[in-house]
Amino acid sequence: MRYLFYTIVPLLVLLAALSLACIVGYFICAWHRRFYIFDNNKQIGTAILVLSIFPAMVYLKSQKRAGVSTKIGFFKQLLQGFGLGFITLMPVFIVLYMLRIN
């Protein structure tokens, strides 16, 4: 049961943030006509999702230094990311080159 809970909670947080962003964005657009609702919803939703990280860190009792590693670990992850990005984008570049698209 706990596995199902941990699986569904991120989806529920995302849906709650998007719903709240839609409600807040609608009232902002109704109050001031200059703003567009799609731009507002995207920005408000992103801000709410970023701010939802802090309660999650408290609930999970995680460190405040989340994502910080040693120099060796950082460079290892950097090389892995560069390698995966290179492998991912190389077929796209090959096809674009073969089709002579610049």
C-alpha atoms as a PDB file:
ATOM      1  CA  MET A   1       0.000   0.000   0.000  1.00  0.00           C
ATOM      2  CA  ARG A   2       2.871   2.380   0.787  1.00  0.00           C
ATOM      3  CA  TYR A   3       4.358   1.756  -2.692  1.00  0.00           C
ATOM      4  CA  LEU A   4       1.091   2.821  -4.312  1.00  0.00           C
ATOM      5  CA  PHE A   5       1.004   5.934  -2.118  1.00  0.00           C
ATOM      6  CA  TYR A   6       4.538   6.956  -3.119  1.00  0.00           C
ATOM      7  CA  THR A   7       3.665   6.337  -6.748  1.00  0.00           C
ATOM      8  CA  ILE A   8       0.516   8.475  -6.808  1.00  0.00           C
ATOM      9  CA  VAL A   9       1.594  11.404  -4.594  1.00  0.00           C
ATOM     10  CA  PRO A  10       3.764  13.161  -7.253  1.00  0.00           C
ATOM     11  CA  LEU A  11       0.854  13.021  -9.705  1.00  0.00           C
ATOM     12  CA  LEU A  12      -1.502  14.454  -7.094  1.00  0.00           C
ATOM     13  CA  VAL A  13       0.945  17.257  -6.264  1.00  0.00           C
ATOM     14  CA  LEU A  14       1.253  18.077  -9.967  1.00  0.00           C
ATOM     15  CA  LEU A  15      -2.521  18.103 -10.460  1.00  0.00           C
ATOM     16  CA  ALA A  16      -3.036  20.246  -7.355  1.00  0.00           C
ATOM     17  CA  ALA A  17      -0.383  22.740  -8.508  1.00  0.00           C
ATOM     18  CA  LEU A  18      -1.867  22.956 -11.985  1.00  0.00           C
ATOM     19  CA  SER A  19      -5.402  23.368 -10.643  1.00  0.00           C
ATOM     20  CA  LEU A  20      -4.294  26.099  -8.268  1.00  0.00           C
ATOM     21  CA  ALA A  21      -2.385  27.802 -11.091  1.00  0.00           C
ATOM     22  CA  CYS A  22      -5.482  27.740 -13.304  1.00  0.00           C
ATOM     23  CA  ILE A  23      -7.647  29.263 -10.593  1.00  0.00           C
ATOM     24  CA  VAL A  24      -5.124  31.976  -9.702  1.00  0.00           C
ATOM     25  CA  GLY A  25      -4.378  32.672 -13.386  1.00  0.00           C
ATOM     26  CA  TYR A  26      -8.075  33.043 -14.171  1.00  0.00           C
ATOM     27  CA  PHE A  27      -8.551  35.619 -11.423  1.00  0.00           C
ATOM     28  CA  ILE A  28      -5.444  37.531 -12.507  1.00  0.00           C
ATOM     29  CA  CYS A  29      -6.686  37.635 -16.107  1.00  0.00           C
ATOM     30  CA  ALA A  30     -10.199  38.624 -15.015  1.00  0.00           C
ATOM     31  CA  TRP A  31      -8.759  41.402 -12.855  1.00  0.00           C
ATOM     32  CA  HIS A  32      -6.310  42.734 -15.428  1.00  0.00           C
ATOM     33  CA  ARG A  33      -6.988  42.165 -19.139  1.00  0.00           C
ATOM     34  CA  ARG A  34      -3.413  42.728 -20.247  1.00  0.00           C
ATOM     35  CA  PHE A  35      -2.253  39.300 -19.034  1.00  0.00           C
ATOM     36  CA  TYR A  36      -2.832  36.161 -21.089  1.00  0.00           C
ATOM     37  CA  ILE A  37      -4.162  33.156 -19.215  1.00  0.00           C
ATOM     38  CA  PHE A  38      -1.831  30.607 -20.843  1.00  0.00           C
ATOM     39  CA  ASP A  39       1.311  32.535 -19.923  1.00  0.00           C
ATOM     40  CA  ASN A  40       0.055  33.111 -16.390  1.00  0.00           C
ATOM     41  CA  ASN A  41      -0.832  29.466 -15.844  1.00  0.00           C
ATOM     42  CA  LYS A  42       2.569  28.302 -17.024  1.00  0.00           C
ATOM     43  CA  GLN A  43       4.478  30.720 -14.796  1.00  0.00           C
ATOM     44  CA  ILE A  44       2.271  30.291 -11.740  1.00  0.00           C
ATOM     45  CA  GLY A  45       2.286  26.502 -12.100  1.00  0.00           C
ATOM     46  CA  THR A  46       6.076  26.434 -12.334  1.00  0.00           C
ATOM     47  CA  ALA A  47       6.406  28.645  -9.254  1.00  0.00           C
ATOM     48  CA  ILE A  48       4.007  26.460  -7.258  1.00  0.00           C
ATOM     49  CA  LEU A  49       5.856  23.288  -8.270  1.00  0.00           C
ATOM     50  CA  VAL A  50       9.207  24.788  -7.296  1.00  0.00           C
ATOM     51  CA  LEU A  51       7.814  25.929  -3.944  1.00  0.00           C
ATOM     52  CA  SER A  52       6.337  22.463  -3.323  1.00  0.00           C
ATOM     53  CA  ILE A  53       9.890  21.097  -3.074  1.00  0.00           C
ATOM     54  CA  PHE A  54      10.369  22.605   0.403  1.00  0.00           C
ATOM     55  CA  PRO A  55       7.429  20.840   2.136  1.00  0.00           C
ATOM     56  CA  ALA A  56       8.519  17.611   0.439  1.00  0.00           C
ATOM     57  CA  MET A  57      12.039  18.036   1.827  1.00  0.00           C
ATOM     58  CA  VAL A  58      10.641  18.539   5.340  1.00  0.00           C
ATOM     59  CA  TYR A  59       8.305  15.536   5.025  1.00  0.00           C
ATOM     60  CA  LEU A  60      11.061  13.284   3.713  1.00  0.00           C
ATOM     61  CA  LYS A  61      13.585  14.683   6.236  1.00  0.00           C
ATOM     62  CA  SER A  62      16.113  15.258   3.477  1.00  0.00           C
ATOM     63  CA  GLN A  63      19.227  17.364   3.758  1.00  0.00           C
ATOM     64  CA  LYS A  64      19.263  21.025   2.866  1.00  0.00           C
ATOM     65  CA  ARG A  65      22.221  20.292   0.617  1.00  0.00           C
ATOM     66  CA  ALA A  66      20.222  18.107  -1.744  1.00  0.00           C
ATOM     67  CA  GLY A  67      21.971  17.599  -5.064  1.00  0.00           C
ATOM     68  CA  VAL A  68      25.419  18.659  -3.867  1.00  0.00           C
ATOM     69  CA  SER A  69      28.130  16.041  -4.229  1.00  0.00           C
ATOM     70  CA  THR A  70      31.896  15.809  -4.033  1.00  0.00           C
ATOM     71  CA  LYS A  71      34.087  17.073  -6.868  1.00  0.00           C
ATOM     72  CA  ILE A  72      34.824  13.545  -8.077  1.00  0.00           C
ATOM     73  CA  GLY A  73      31.112  12.652  -8.068  1.00  0.00           C
ATOM     74  CA  PHE A  74      30.245  15.893  -9.825  1.00  0.00           C
ATOM     75  CA  PHE A  75      32.709  15.327 -12.667  1.00  0.00           C
ATOM     76  CA  LYS A  76      31.621  11.696 -12.996  1.00  0.00           C
ATOM     77  CA  GLN A  77      27.995  12.800 -13.353  1.00  0.00           C
ATOM     78  CA  LEU A  78      29.047  15.582 -15.720  1.00  0.00           C
ATOM     79  CA  LEU A  79      30.815  13.122 -18.018  1.00  0.00           C
ATOM     80  CA  GLN A  80      27.904  10.690 -17.877  1.00  0.00           C
ATOM     81  CA  GLY A  81      25.454  13.478 -18.775  1.00  0.00           C
ATOM     82  CA  PHE A  82      27.641  14.683 -21.614  1.00  0.00           C
ATOM     83  CA  GLY A  83      28.007  11.128 -22.943  1.00  0.00           C
ATOM     84  CA  LEU A  84      24.273  10.410 -22.785  1.00  0.00           C
ATOM     85  CA  GLY A  85      23.484  13.739 -24.444  1.00  0.00           C
ATOM     86  CA  PHE A  86      26.005  13.018 -27.180  1.00  0.00           C
ATOM     87  CA  ILE A  87      24.559   9.541 -27.776  1.00  0.00           C
ATOM     88  CA  THR A  88      21.025  10.934 -27.807  1.00  0.00           C
ATOM     89  CA  LEU A  89      21.689  13.822 -30.191  1.00  0.00           C
ATOM     90  CA  MET A  90      24.127  12.145 -32.586  1.00  0.00           C
ATOM     91  CA  PRO A  91      21.414  10.301 -34.605  1.00  0.00           C
ATOM     92  CA  VAL A  92      19.542  13.583 -34.998  1.00  0.00           C
ATOM     93  CA  PHE A  93      22.652  15.363 -36.267  1.00  0.00           C
ATOM     94  CA  ILE A  94      23.433  12.498 -38.670  1.00  0.00           C
ATOM     95  CA  VAL A  95      19.941  12.594 -40.169  1.00  0.00           C
ATOM     96  CA  LEU A  96      20.041  16.388 -40.472  1.00  0.00           C
ATOM     97  CA  TYR A  97      23.443  16.181 -42.170  1.00  0.00           C
ATOM     98  CA  MET A  98      22.279  13.475 -44.587  1.00  0.00           C
ATOM     99  CA  LEU A  99      19.208  15.528 -45.496  1.00  0.00           C
ATOM    100  CA  ARG A 100      21.398  18.640 -45.878  1.00  0.00           C
ATOM    101  CA  ILE A 101      19.375  20.658 -43.395  1.00  0.00           C
ATOM    102  CA  ASN A 102      21.271  23.459 -41.658  1.00  0.00           C
END
